[in-house]
Amino acid sequence: MANVKLAIIYYSSTGTNHQMAKWAEEAAQQAGAEVRVAKVKETAPQAAIDSNPAWKAHHEATQDVPEAEVALLEWADAIIFSVPTRYGHVPTQFQQFLDITGGAWSQGKLANKVVSAMSSAQNPHGGQEATVLAVYTSMFHWGAIVAAPGYNNPALFKAGGNPYGTSVTAGENGMVEDVEDAVKYQANHTIEVAQWIKNGQTQ
């Protein structure tokens, strides 16, 4: 039985979604998946980055993380996205990455990927659910298979009970909710669904 190839793609300005991506990576590796983590390219002006000490520090600390490329999407059986919300939608940086996937999409190379999404905002009702659903809207155009966590594990309720994908409130003092277990459950669930599909393809 071939292992699932999982891509974890995130955008993070001050580190929240980077941490969520790392938790997902840890769980996926423990589950036996082949995992690659990549960040979405930063397109904000350097002046904007420099204006926020936390943003600048995180940007400089993650220079060694590879940037996401379309080839990574084609390689993966499953993909987990983790992005903050911007007015109830995905950040411009992430949307720009999606916008360059048209060639692969038109060739059917993104169809039947198993996908799942996570998000964060500065307040409890800051648009996290809308952002996750915005990611899924693009995934429906790909013909991807969404593996939402639902309410199938107690960790989801401890994390705030978002059935679409793990979400967290994060501010100057870090994450408010305890979401580590929910992130790890979501990663395992995504791999499980992808494995079912791979098994079905080989029968």
N, C-alpha and C. Protein backbone atom coordinates (compact mmCIF):
# COMPACT_ATOMS: atom_id res chain seq x y z
N MET A 1 0.85 -1.19 0.00
CA MET A 1 0.00 0.00 0.00
C MET A 1 0.88 1.24 0.00
N ALA A 2 0.78 2.05 -1.06
CA ALA A 2 1.62 3.24 -1.19
C ALA A 2 1.22 4.29 -0.17
N ASN A 3 2.23 4.97 0.39
CA ASN A 3 1.94 6.04 1.34
C ASN A 3 1.35 7.25 0.63
N VAL A 4 0.54 7.98 1.35
CA VAL A 4 -0.05 9.20 0.83
C VAL A 4 1.02 10.28 0.76
N LYS A 5 1.02 11.04 -0.32
CA LYS A 5 1.90 12.20 -0.48
C LYS A 5 1.10 13.44 -0.13
N LEU A 6 1.50 14.10 0.96
CA LEU A 6 0.77 15.24 1.49
C LEU A 6 1.57 16.53 1.34
N ALA A 7 0.97 17.53 0.71
CA ALA A 7 1.54 18.87 0.67
C ALA A 7 0.82 19.74 1.68
N ILE A 8 1.58 20.43 2.51
CA ILE A 8 1.02 21.39 3.45
C ILE A 8 1.48 22.76 3.01
N ILE A 9 0.54 23.57 2.57
CA ILE A 9 0.86 24.88 2.01
C ILE A 9 0.21 25.95 2.88
N TYR A 10 1.01 26.90 3.32
CA TYR A 10 0.49 27.90 4.24
C TYR A 10 0.96 29.29 3.85
N TYR A 11 0.22 30.28 4.30
CA TYR A 11 0.70 31.66 4.30
C TYR A 11 0.60 32.15 5.73
N SER A 12 1.65 32.79 6.20
CA SER A 12 1.66 33.28 7.58
C SER A 12 2.47 34.56 7.65
N SER A 13 1.88 35.60 8.21
CA SER A 13 2.64 36.84 8.37
C SER A 13 3.38 36.88 9.70
N THR A 14 2.71 36.48 10.77
CA THR A 14 3.37 36.56 12.08
C THR A 14 3.59 35.21 12.76
N GLY A 15 3.21 34.10 12.09
CA GLY A 15 3.61 32.79 12.59
C GLY A 15 2.52 31.83 12.98
N THR A 16 1.27 32.29 13.10
CA THR A 16 0.20 31.41 13.55
C THR A 16 -0.02 30.24 12.60
N ASN A 17 -0.21 30.54 11.33
CA ASN A 17 -0.48 29.48 10.36
C ASN A 17 0.75 28.64 10.06
N HIS A 18 1.91 29.20 10.27
CA HIS A 18 3.14 28.40 10.18
C HIS A 18 3.14 27.34 11.26
N GLN A 19 2.77 27.72 12.48
CA GLN A 19 2.72 26.76 13.58
C GLN A 19 1.67 25.68 13.32
N MET A 20 0.51 26.07 12.79
CA MET A 20 -0.52 25.09 12.48
C MET A 20 -0.01 24.12 11.40
N ALA A 21 0.71 24.63 10.43
CA ALA A 21 1.29 23.78 9.39
C ALA A 21 2.29 22.80 9.99
N LYS A 22 3.07 23.24 10.95
CA LYS A 22 4.06 22.36 11.59
C LYS A 22 3.37 21.26 12.38
N TRP A 23 2.28 21.58 13.06
CA TRP A 23 1.53 20.55 13.78
C TRP A 23 0.95 19.52 12.81
N ALA A 24 0.43 20.00 11.69
CA ALA A 24 -0.10 19.09 10.68
C ALA A 24 1.00 18.20 10.12
N GLU A 25 2.16 18.78 9.91
CA GLU A 25 3.31 18.00 9.41
C GLU A 25 3.69 16.91 10.40
N GLU A 26 3.75 17.25 11.67
CA GLU A 26 4.11 16.28 12.71
C GLU A 26 3.16 15.09 12.72
N ALA A 27 1.86 15.39 12.68
CA ALA A 27 0.86 14.33 12.70
C ALA A 27 0.95 13.47 11.45
N ALA A 28 1.12 14.10 10.31
CA ALA A 28 1.16 13.37 9.04
C ALA A 28 2.37 12.45 8.96
N GLN A 29 3.49 12.94 9.43
CA GLN A 29 4.68 12.09 9.43
C GLN A 29 4.51 10.90 10.36
N GLN A 30 3.90 11.13 11.52
CA GLN A 30 3.65 10.04 12.44
C GLN A 30 2.69 9.01 11.85
N ALA A 31 1.82 9.47 10.95
CA ALA A 31 0.86 8.58 10.29
C ALA A 31 1.48 7.86 9.09
N GLY A 32 2.71 8.19 8.78
CA GLY A 32 3.40 7.50 7.70
C GLY A 32 3.30 8.15 6.34
N ALA A 33 2.77 9.36 6.28
CA ALA A 33 2.66 10.05 4.99
C ALA A 33 4.01 10.64 4.59
N GLU A 34 4.18 10.82 3.30
CA GLU A 34 5.33 11.56 2.78
C GLU A 34 4.91 13.02 2.71
N VAL A 35 5.57 13.87 3.46
CA VAL A 35 5.08 15.23 3.66
C VAL A 35 6.07 16.27 3.13
N ARG A 36 5.53 17.27 2.46
CA ARG A 36 6.30 18.44 2.05
C ARG A 36 5.55 19.68 2.50
N VAL A 37 6.27 20.57 3.19
CA VAL A 37 5.69 21.83 3.67
C VAL A 37 6.26 22.98 2.85
N ALA A 38 5.40 23.88 2.43
CA ALA A 38 5.85 25.03 1.65
C ALA A 38 5.03 26.25 2.02
N LYS A 39 5.65 27.40 1.93
CA LYS A 39 4.95 28.66 2.22
C LYS A 39 4.59 29.36 0.92
N VAL A 40 3.51 30.10 0.97
CA VAL A 40 3.13 30.93 -0.17
C VAL A 40 4.06 32.13 -0.23
N LYS A 41 4.47 32.48 -1.41
CA LYS A 41 5.42 33.58 -1.61
C LYS A 41 4.88 34.88 -1.03
N GLU A 42 5.74 35.58 -0.31
CA GLU A 42 5.37 36.87 0.25
C GLU A 42 5.44 37.93 -0.84
N THR A 43 4.35 38.63 -1.05
CA THR A 43 4.30 39.67 -2.09
C THR A 43 4.09 41.06 -1.53
N ALA A 44 3.97 41.18 -0.22
CA ALA A 44 3.79 42.49 0.39
C ALA A 44 5.06 43.31 0.26
N PRO A 45 4.96 44.62 0.15
CA PRO A 45 6.15 45.47 0.10
C PRO A 45 7.00 45.33 1.36
N GLN A 46 8.28 45.43 1.21
CA GLN A 46 9.17 45.31 2.37
C GLN A 46 8.84 46.35 3.43
N ALA A 47 8.39 47.52 3.00
CA ALA A 47 8.04 48.57 3.97
C ALA A 47 6.89 48.13 4.86
N ALA A 48 5.94 47.40 4.29
CA ALA A 48 4.81 46.91 5.08
C ALA A 48 5.28 45.86 6.08
N ILE A 49 6.15 44.97 5.63
CA ILE A 49 6.69 43.94 6.52
C ILE A 49 7.47 44.58 7.66
N ASP A 50 8.32 45.55 7.32
CA ASP A 50 9.15 46.20 8.33
C ASP A 50 8.34 46.99 9.34
N SER A 51 7.13 47.39 8.96
CA SER A 51 6.31 48.21 9.86
C SER A 51 5.72 47.41 11.03
N ASN A 52 5.76 46.08 10.92
CA ASN A 52 5.23 45.21 11.97
C ASN A 52 6.36 44.31 12.46
N PRO A 53 6.86 44.54 13.67
CA PRO A 53 8.00 43.77 14.17
C PRO A 53 7.78 42.26 14.15
N ALA A 54 6.57 41.81 14.48
CA ALA A 54 6.30 40.38 14.49
C ALA A 54 6.33 39.81 13.07
N TRP A 55 5.78 40.55 12.14
CA TRP A 55 5.78 40.13 10.73
C TRP A 55 7.22 40.06 10.21
N LYS A 56 7.99 41.09 10.49
CA LYS A 56 9.38 41.14 10.04
C LYS A 56 10.18 39.97 10.64
N ALA A 57 9.99 39.72 11.93
CA ALA A 57 10.73 38.64 12.60
C ALA A 57 10.38 37.28 12.01
N HIS A 58 9.09 37.05 11.78
CA HIS A 58 8.68 35.75 11.23
C HIS A 58 9.18 35.60 9.79
N HIS A 59 9.10 36.66 9.02
CA HIS A 59 9.57 36.62 7.63
C HIS A 59 11.04 36.25 7.58
N GLU A 60 11.83 36.83 8.45
CA GLU A 60 13.27 36.56 8.47
C GLU A 60 13.58 35.17 9.01
N ALA A 61 12.74 34.68 9.92
CA ALA A 61 13.00 33.38 10.55
C ALA A 61 12.62 32.20 9.66
N THR A 62 11.86 32.43 8.61
CA THR A 62 11.39 31.32 7.77
C THR A 62 11.94 31.39 6.35
N GLN A 63 13.09 32.00 6.20
CA GLN A 63 13.70 32.10 4.87
C GLN A 63 14.06 30.74 4.29
N ASP A 64 14.26 29.76 5.16
CA ASP A 64 14.67 28.43 4.68
C ASP A 64 13.48 27.56 4.27
N VAL A 65 12.25 28.01 4.50
CA VAL A 65 11.08 27.23 4.09
C VAL A 65 10.88 27.42 2.58
N PRO A 66 10.78 26.34 1.82
CA PRO A 66 10.60 26.49 0.37
C PRO A 66 9.28 27.15 0.03
N GLU A 67 9.27 27.87 -1.09
CA GLU A 67 8.04 28.50 -1.54
C GLU A 67 7.21 27.51 -2.36
N ALA A 68 5.91 27.61 -2.20
CA ALA A 68 4.99 26.71 -2.89
C ALA A 68 5.03 26.95 -4.39
N GLU A 69 5.03 25.87 -5.14
CA GLU A 69 4.99 25.91 -6.59
C GLU A 69 3.87 24.99 -7.07
N VAL A 70 3.39 25.23 -8.28
CA VAL A 70 2.30 24.42 -8.83
C VAL A 70 2.70 22.96 -8.91
N ALA A 71 3.97 22.70 -9.17
CA ALA A 71 4.45 21.32 -9.26
C ALA A 71 4.19 20.56 -7.97
N LEU A 72 4.20 21.25 -6.84
CA LEU A 72 3.94 20.59 -5.56
C LEU A 72 2.50 20.11 -5.50
N LEU A 73 1.58 20.89 -6.04
CA LEU A 73 0.17 20.47 -6.08
C LEU A 73 0.01 19.23 -6.95
N GLU A 74 0.71 19.18 -8.06
CA GLU A 74 0.62 18.05 -8.97
C GLU A 74 1.21 16.80 -8.32
N TRP A 75 2.25 16.96 -7.52
CA TRP A 75 2.90 15.83 -6.84
C TRP A 75 2.00 15.20 -5.79
N ALA A 76 1.23 16.03 -5.10
CA ALA A 76 0.51 15.59 -3.91
C ALA A 76 -0.74 14.78 -4.22
N ASP A 77 -1.01 13.81 -3.33
CA ASP A 77 -2.31 13.15 -3.31
C ASP A 77 -3.31 13.97 -2.50
N ALA A 78 -2.79 14.64 -1.48
CA ALA A 78 -3.63 15.41 -0.57
C ALA A 78 -2.93 16.73 -0.25
N ILE A 79 -3.73 17.75 0.05
CA ILE A 79 -3.18 19.08 0.32
C ILE A 79 -3.92 19.68 1.50
N ILE A 80 -3.17 20.20 2.45
CA ILE A 80 -3.75 20.98 3.55
C ILE A 80 -3.28 22.42 3.39
N PHE A 81 -4.25 23.33 3.37
CA PHE A 81 -3.95 24.76 3.29
C PHE A 81 -4.20 25.39 4.65
N SER A 82 -3.32 26.32 5.04
CA SER A 82 -3.52 27.06 6.29
C SER A 82 -3.24 28.52 6.01
N VAL A 83 -4.27 29.36 6.13
CA VAL A 83 -4.13 30.78 5.80
C VAL A 83 -4.92 31.64 6.78
N PRO A 84 -4.44 32.84 7.05
CA PRO A 84 -5.23 33.77 7.87
C PRO A 84 -6.36 34.37 7.06
N THR A 85 -7.29 34.99 7.74
CA THR A 85 -8.39 35.65 7.05
C THR A 85 -8.07 37.12 6.79
N ARG A 86 -8.53 37.59 5.66
CA ARG A 86 -8.44 39.01 5.32
C ARG A 86 -9.85 39.46 4.91
N TYR A 87 -10.53 40.12 5.83
CA TYR A 87 -11.91 40.57 5.58
C TYR A 87 -12.81 39.39 5.19
N GLY A 88 -12.64 38.27 5.85
CA GLY A 88 -13.48 37.11 5.58
C GLY A 88 -13.11 36.38 4.32
N HIS A 89 -11.91 36.63 3.82
CA HIS A 89 -11.46 35.96 2.60
C HIS A 89 -9.99 35.61 2.75
N VAL A 90 -9.44 34.99 1.72
CA VAL A 90 -8.03 34.59 1.78
C VAL A 90 -7.13 35.80 1.54
N PRO A 91 -5.89 35.77 2.03
CA PRO A 91 -4.96 36.86 1.76
C PRO A 91 -4.62 36.97 0.28
N THR A 92 -4.24 38.15 -0.13
CA THR A 92 -3.85 38.38 -1.53
C THR A 92 -2.73 37.44 -1.95
N GLN A 93 -1.79 37.20 -1.05
CA GLN A 93 -0.66 36.34 -1.38
C GLN A 93 -1.14 34.94 -1.77
N PHE A 94 -2.10 34.42 -1.01
CA PHE A 94 -2.61 33.08 -1.29
C PHE A 94 -3.45 33.08 -2.57
N GLN A 95 -4.24 34.11 -2.77
CA GLN A 95 -5.05 34.17 -3.99
C GLN A 95 -4.16 34.24 -5.23
N GLN A 96 -3.06 34.95 -5.12
CA GLN A 96 -2.14 35.02 -6.26
C GLN A 96 -1.57 33.64 -6.58
N PHE A 97 -1.29 32.86 -5.54
CA PHE A 97 -0.81 31.50 -5.76
C PHE A 97 -1.88 30.67 -6.48
N LEU A 98 -3.13 30.78 -6.02
CA LEU A 98 -4.20 30.05 -6.69
C LEU A 98 -4.33 30.48 -8.15
N ASP A 99 -4.11 31.76 -8.40
CA ASP A 99 -4.31 32.29 -9.75
C ASP A 99 -3.30 31.75 -10.76
N ILE A 100 -2.19 31.20 -10.30
CA ILE A 100 -1.20 30.65 -11.24
C ILE A 100 -1.39 29.15 -11.47
N THR A 101 -2.47 28.60 -10.90
CA THR A 101 -2.70 27.16 -11.07
C THR A 101 -3.56 26.84 -12.29
N GLY A 102 -3.91 27.85 -13.07
CA GLY A 102 -4.83 27.65 -14.18
C GLY A 102 -4.35 26.63 -15.20
N GLY A 103 -3.06 26.63 -15.49
CA GLY A 103 -2.53 25.68 -16.47
C GLY A 103 -2.71 24.24 -16.02
N ALA A 104 -2.35 23.97 -14.77
CA ALA A 104 -2.51 22.62 -14.23
C ALA A 104 -3.99 22.24 -14.14
N TRP A 105 -4.82 23.20 -13.74
CA TRP A 105 -6.27 22.95 -13.66
C TRP A 105 -6.83 22.59 -15.02
N SER A 106 -6.44 23.34 -16.06
CA SER A 106 -7.01 23.11 -17.39
C SER A 106 -6.61 21.76 -17.97
N GLN A 107 -5.52 21.20 -17.45
CA GLN A 107 -5.07 19.89 -17.90
C GLN A 107 -5.59 18.76 -17.00
N GLY A 108 -6.43 19.11 -16.02
CA GLY A 108 -7.00 18.11 -15.13
C GLY A 108 -6.04 17.59 -14.08
N LYS A 109 -4.93 18.29 -13.87
CA LYS A 109 -3.91 17.79 -12.94
C LYS A 109 -4.24 18.06 -11.47
N LEU A 110 -5.26 18.84 -11.22
CA LEU A 110 -5.64 19.15 -9.84
C LEU A 110 -6.93 18.47 -9.43
N ALA A 111 -7.54 17.74 -10.34
CA ALA A 111 -8.78 17.03 -10.03
C ALA A 111 -8.51 15.86 -9.09
N ASN A 112 -9.46 15.59 -8.22
CA ASN A 112 -9.44 14.44 -7.31
C ASN A 112 -8.35 14.51 -6.25
N LYS A 113 -7.77 15.68 -6.05
CA LYS A 113 -6.89 15.86 -4.91
C LYS A 113 -7.77 15.94 -3.66
N VAL A 114 -7.32 15.35 -2.58
CA VAL A 114 -8.03 15.47 -1.31
C VAL A 114 -7.51 16.71 -0.59
N VAL A 115 -8.40 17.62 -0.26
CA VAL A 115 -7.96 18.90 0.29
C VAL A 115 -8.68 19.21 1.60
N SER A 116 -8.01 19.99 2.44
CA SER A 116 -8.59 20.45 3.69
C SER A 116 -7.96 21.80 4.01
N ALA A 117 -8.66 22.64 4.78
CA ALA A 117 -8.16 23.99 5.03
C ALA A 117 -8.34 24.40 6.49
N MET A 118 -7.45 25.30 6.92
CA MET A 118 -7.47 25.85 8.28
C MET A 118 -7.28 27.36 8.18
N SER A 119 -7.64 28.07 9.26
CA SER A 119 -7.52 29.52 9.20
C SER A 119 -7.36 30.13 10.59
N SER A 120 -7.09 31.44 10.60
CA SER A 120 -6.94 32.17 11.86
C SER A 120 -7.40 33.61 11.66
N ALA A 121 -7.70 34.27 12.78
CA ALA A 121 -8.05 35.69 12.77
C ALA A 121 -7.74 36.26 14.15
N GLN A 122 -7.81 37.58 14.27
CA GLN A 122 -7.46 38.21 15.54
C GLN A 122 -8.59 38.17 16.57
N ASN A 123 -9.80 37.84 16.15
CA ASN A 123 -10.90 37.77 17.11
C ASN A 123 -11.77 36.56 16.79
N PRO A 124 -12.61 36.13 17.74
CA PRO A 124 -13.34 34.86 17.58
C PRO A 124 -14.26 34.80 16.38
N HIS A 125 -14.77 35.94 15.93
CA HIS A 125 -15.69 35.95 14.80
C HIS A 125 -15.11 36.81 13.68
N GLY A 126 -13.83 36.62 13.42
CA GLY A 126 -13.12 37.46 12.47
C GLY A 126 -13.12 36.98 11.03
N GLY A 127 -13.91 35.96 10.74
CA GLY A 127 -14.00 35.50 9.36
C GLY A 127 -13.32 34.18 9.06
N GLN A 128 -12.93 33.45 10.12
CA GLN A 128 -12.22 32.19 9.89
C GLN A 128 -13.03 31.20 9.06
N GLU A 129 -14.29 31.00 9.42
CA GLU A 129 -15.11 30.03 8.69
C GLU A 129 -15.30 30.46 7.24
N ALA A 130 -15.53 31.75 7.02
CA ALA A 130 -15.71 32.25 5.66
C ALA A 130 -14.45 32.04 4.84
N THR A 131 -13.29 32.19 5.47
CA THR A 131 -12.03 32.01 4.76
C THR A 131 -11.83 30.55 4.36
N VAL A 132 -12.11 29.63 5.27
CA VAL A 132 -12.01 28.21 4.93
C VAL A 132 -12.95 27.87 3.78
N LEU A 133 -14.18 28.38 3.84
CA LEU A 133 -15.14 28.11 2.78
C LEU A 133 -14.71 28.74 1.46
N ALA A 134 -14.03 29.89 1.52
CA ALA A 134 -13.51 30.52 0.30
C ALA A 134 -12.45 29.63 -0.35
N VAL A 135 -11.60 29.02 0.47
CA VAL A 135 -10.62 28.07 -0.07
C VAL A 135 -11.35 26.92 -0.76
N TYR A 136 -12.36 26.39 -0.10
CA TYR A 136 -13.09 25.25 -0.67
C TYR A 136 -13.81 25.61 -1.98
N THR A 137 -14.26 26.86 -2.10
CA THR A 137 -14.90 27.26 -3.36
C THR A 137 -13.93 27.07 -4.53
N SER A 138 -12.69 27.48 -4.35
CA SER A 138 -11.69 27.27 -5.40
C SER A 138 -11.44 25.79 -5.63
N MET A 139 -11.46 25.02 -4.55
CA MET A 139 -11.21 23.59 -4.68
C MET A 139 -12.32 22.88 -5.47
N PHE A 140 -13.54 23.36 -5.34
CA PHE A 140 -14.63 22.78 -6.13
C PHE A 140 -14.39 23.00 -7.62
N HIS A 141 -13.80 24.14 -7.96
CA HIS A 141 -13.47 24.39 -9.37
C HIS A 141 -12.37 23.45 -9.85
N TRP A 142 -11.49 23.07 -8.97
CA TRP A 142 -10.45 22.09 -9.33
C TRP A 142 -11.05 20.71 -9.57
N GLY A 143 -12.19 20.44 -8.93
CA GLY A 143 -12.69 19.07 -8.92
C GLY A 143 -12.05 18.26 -7.81
N ALA A 144 -11.60 18.97 -6.76
CA ALA A 144 -10.96 18.32 -5.63
C ALA A 144 -12.01 17.71 -4.70
N ILE A 145 -11.54 16.89 -3.77
CA ILE A 145 -12.39 16.22 -2.80
C ILE A 145 -12.11 16.83 -1.43
N VAL A 146 -13.08 17.54 -0.88
CA VAL A 146 -12.88 18.23 0.40
C VAL A 146 -13.03 17.26 1.56
N ALA A 147 -12.03 17.24 2.42
CA ALA A 147 -12.06 16.41 3.62
C ALA A 147 -12.16 17.32 4.84
N ALA A 148 -13.36 17.79 5.11
CA ALA A 148 -13.58 18.65 6.28
C ALA A 148 -13.61 17.79 7.54
N PRO A 149 -13.17 18.33 8.69
CA PRO A 149 -13.12 17.51 9.90
C PRO A 149 -14.48 17.17 10.50
N GLY A 150 -15.50 18.01 10.24
CA GLY A 150 -16.80 17.75 10.83
C GLY A 150 -16.74 17.80 12.35
N TYR A 151 -17.55 16.95 12.99
CA TYR A 151 -17.58 16.88 14.46
C TYR A 151 -17.27 15.45 14.90
N ASN A 152 -16.18 14.93 14.43
CA ASN A 152 -15.89 13.51 14.62
C ASN A 152 -14.82 13.22 15.66
N ASN A 153 -14.43 14.24 16.44
CA ASN A 153 -13.39 14.03 17.43
C ASN A 153 -13.54 15.08 18.53
N PRO A 154 -13.37 14.71 19.80
CA PRO A 154 -13.51 15.68 20.90
C PRO A 154 -12.57 16.87 20.78
N ALA A 155 -11.43 16.68 20.12
CA ALA A 155 -10.47 17.78 19.98
C ALA A 155 -11.07 18.96 19.23
N LEU A 156 -12.03 18.68 18.36
CA LEU A 156 -12.64 19.75 17.58
C LEU A 156 -13.47 20.68 18.46
N PHE A 157 -14.12 20.12 19.46
CA PHE A 157 -14.91 20.95 20.37
C PHE A 157 -13.99 21.75 21.29
N LYS A 158 -12.90 21.15 21.72
CA LYS A 158 -11.93 21.86 22.56
C LYS A 158 -11.34 23.05 21.81
N ALA A 159 -11.24 22.91 20.49
CA ALA A 159 -10.65 23.97 19.67
C ALA A 159 -11.65 25.03 19.25
N GLY A 160 -12.92 24.87 19.63
CA GLY A 160 -13.92 25.88 19.28
C GLY A 160 -15.04 25.36 18.41
N GLY A 161 -14.90 24.14 17.88
CA GLY A 161 -16.01 23.50 17.19
C GLY A 161 -16.27 23.95 15.77
N ASN A 162 -15.24 24.24 15.00
CA ASN A 162 -15.43 24.61 13.59
C ASN A 162 -15.41 23.34 12.74
N PRO A 163 -16.54 22.95 12.13
CA PRO A 163 -16.58 21.71 11.37
C PRO A 163 -15.96 21.80 9.98
N TYR A 164 -15.71 23.03 9.51
CA TYR A 164 -15.19 23.20 8.15
C TYR A 164 -13.67 22.99 8.09
N GLY A 165 -13.00 23.40 9.15
CA GLY A 165 -11.55 23.28 9.23
C GLY A 165 -11.10 23.99 10.48
N THR A 166 -10.04 23.52 11.08
CA THR A 166 -9.57 24.11 12.33
C THR A 166 -9.35 25.61 12.17
N SER A 167 -9.84 26.38 13.14
CA SER A 167 -9.61 27.82 13.13
C SER A 167 -9.22 28.26 14.53
N VAL A 168 -8.50 29.37 14.59
CA VAL A 168 -8.00 29.82 15.87
C VAL A 168 -8.04 31.34 15.94
N THR A 169 -8.20 31.84 17.16
CA THR A 169 -8.08 33.27 17.42
C THR A 169 -6.65 33.52 17.87
N ALA A 170 -5.98 34.43 17.21
CA ALA A 170 -4.57 34.68 17.54
C ALA A 170 -4.29 36.17 17.54
N GLY A 171 -3.69 36.65 18.61
CA GLY A 171 -3.35 38.06 18.72
C GLY A 171 -1.94 38.23 19.22
N GLU A 172 -1.71 39.33 19.90
CA GLU A 172 -0.36 39.64 20.38
C GLU A 172 0.14 38.62 21.40
N ASN A 173 -0.77 37.97 22.10
CA ASN A 173 -0.39 37.01 23.14
C ASN A 173 -0.46 35.56 22.65
N GLY A 174 -0.51 35.37 21.33
CA GLY A 174 -0.53 34.02 20.78
C GLY A 174 -1.94 33.49 20.57
N MET A 175 -2.04 32.18 20.46
CA MET A 175 -3.33 31.55 20.17
C MET A 175 -4.20 31.48 21.42
N VAL A 176 -5.46 31.81 21.24
CA VAL A 176 -6.40 31.79 22.36
C VAL A 176 -6.90 30.37 22.61
N GLU A 177 -7.40 29.71 21.57
CA GLU A 177 -7.91 28.35 21.71
C GLU A 177 -6.78 27.33 21.61
N ASP A 178 -7.01 26.18 22.22
CA ASP A 178 -6.06 25.06 22.16
C ASP A 178 -6.40 24.22 20.93
N VAL A 179 -5.69 24.44 19.84
CA VAL A 179 -6.06 23.81 18.57
C VAL A 179 -5.09 22.73 18.09
N GLU A 180 -4.04 22.49 18.83
CA GLU A 180 -3.03 21.54 18.35
C GLU A 180 -3.63 20.17 18.04
N ASP A 181 -4.43 19.63 18.95
CA ASP A 181 -5.01 18.30 18.72
C ASP A 181 -5.99 18.32 17.55
N ALA A 182 -6.73 19.42 17.39
CA ALA A 182 -7.67 19.52 16.28
C ALA A 182 -6.93 19.55 14.94
N VAL A 183 -5.83 20.29 14.89
CA VAL A 183 -5.02 20.33 13.67
C VAL A 183 -4.51 18.93 13.34
N LYS A 184 -4.03 18.22 14.35
CA LYS A 184 -3.48 16.89 14.12
C LYS A 184 -4.58 15.91 13.69
N TYR A 185 -5.76 16.04 14.29
CA TYR A 185 -6.86 15.19 13.84
C TYR A 185 -7.21 15.50 12.38
N GLN A 186 -7.26 16.76 12.04
CA GLN A 186 -7.60 17.13 10.67
C GLN A 186 -6.57 16.59 9.68
N ALA A 187 -5.31 16.64 10.05
CA ALA A 187 -4.26 16.09 9.18
C ALA A 187 -4.45 14.59 9.00
N ASN A 188 -4.70 13.90 10.08
CA ASN A 188 -4.89 12.45 10.00
C ASN A 188 -6.13 12.09 9.19
N HIS A 189 -7.20 12.87 9.36
CA HIS A 189 -8.42 12.62 8.60
C HIS A 189 -8.18 12.83 7.10
N THR A 190 -7.45 13.86 6.76
CA THR A 190 -7.15 14.15 5.36
C THR A 190 -6.35 13.01 4.74
N ILE A 191 -5.37 12.52 5.47
CA ILE A 191 -4.55 11.41 4.98
C ILE A 191 -5.40 10.14 4.84
N GLU A 192 -6.27 9.92 5.81
CA GLU A 192 -7.12 8.73 5.78
C GLU A 192 -7.99 8.71 4.53
N VAL A 193 -8.62 9.83 4.23
CA VAL A 193 -9.48 9.91 3.05
C VAL A 193 -8.65 9.71 1.78
N ALA A 194 -7.49 10.34 1.74
CA ALA A 194 -6.63 10.19 0.56
C ALA A 194 -6.17 8.74 0.39
N GLN A 195 -5.92 8.05 1.51
CA GLN A 195 -5.51 6.65 1.42
C GLN A 195 -6.63 5.78 0.89
N TRP A 196 -7.86 6.06 1.32
CA TRP A 196 -9.01 5.31 0.80
C TRP A 196 -9.07 5.45 -0.72
N ILE A 197 -8.87 6.65 -1.20
CA ILE A 197 -8.96 6.90 -2.64
C ILE A 197 -7.82 6.20 -3.37
N LYS A 198 -6.61 6.26 -2.81
CA LYS A 198 -5.49 5.58 -3.45
C LYS A 198 -5.73 4.08 -3.48
N ASN A 199 -6.26 3.54 -2.40
CA ASN A 199 -6.55 2.10 -2.36
C ASN A 199 -7.58 1.73 -3.43
N GLY A 200 -8.59 2.58 -3.58
CA GLY A 200 -9.63 2.32 -4.56
C GLY A 200 -9.11 2.36 -5.98
N GLN A 201 -8.14 3.26 -6.22
CA GLN A 201 -7.59 3.39 -7.57
C GLN A 201 -6.77 2.16 -7.96
N THR A 202 -6.24 1.43 -6.98
CA THR A 202 -5.37 0.29 -7.28
C THR A 202 -6.13 -1.03 -7.30
N GLN A 203 -7.42 -1.00 -6.98
CA GLN A 203 -8.20 -2.24 -6.96
C GLN A 203 -8.74 -2.57 -8.34
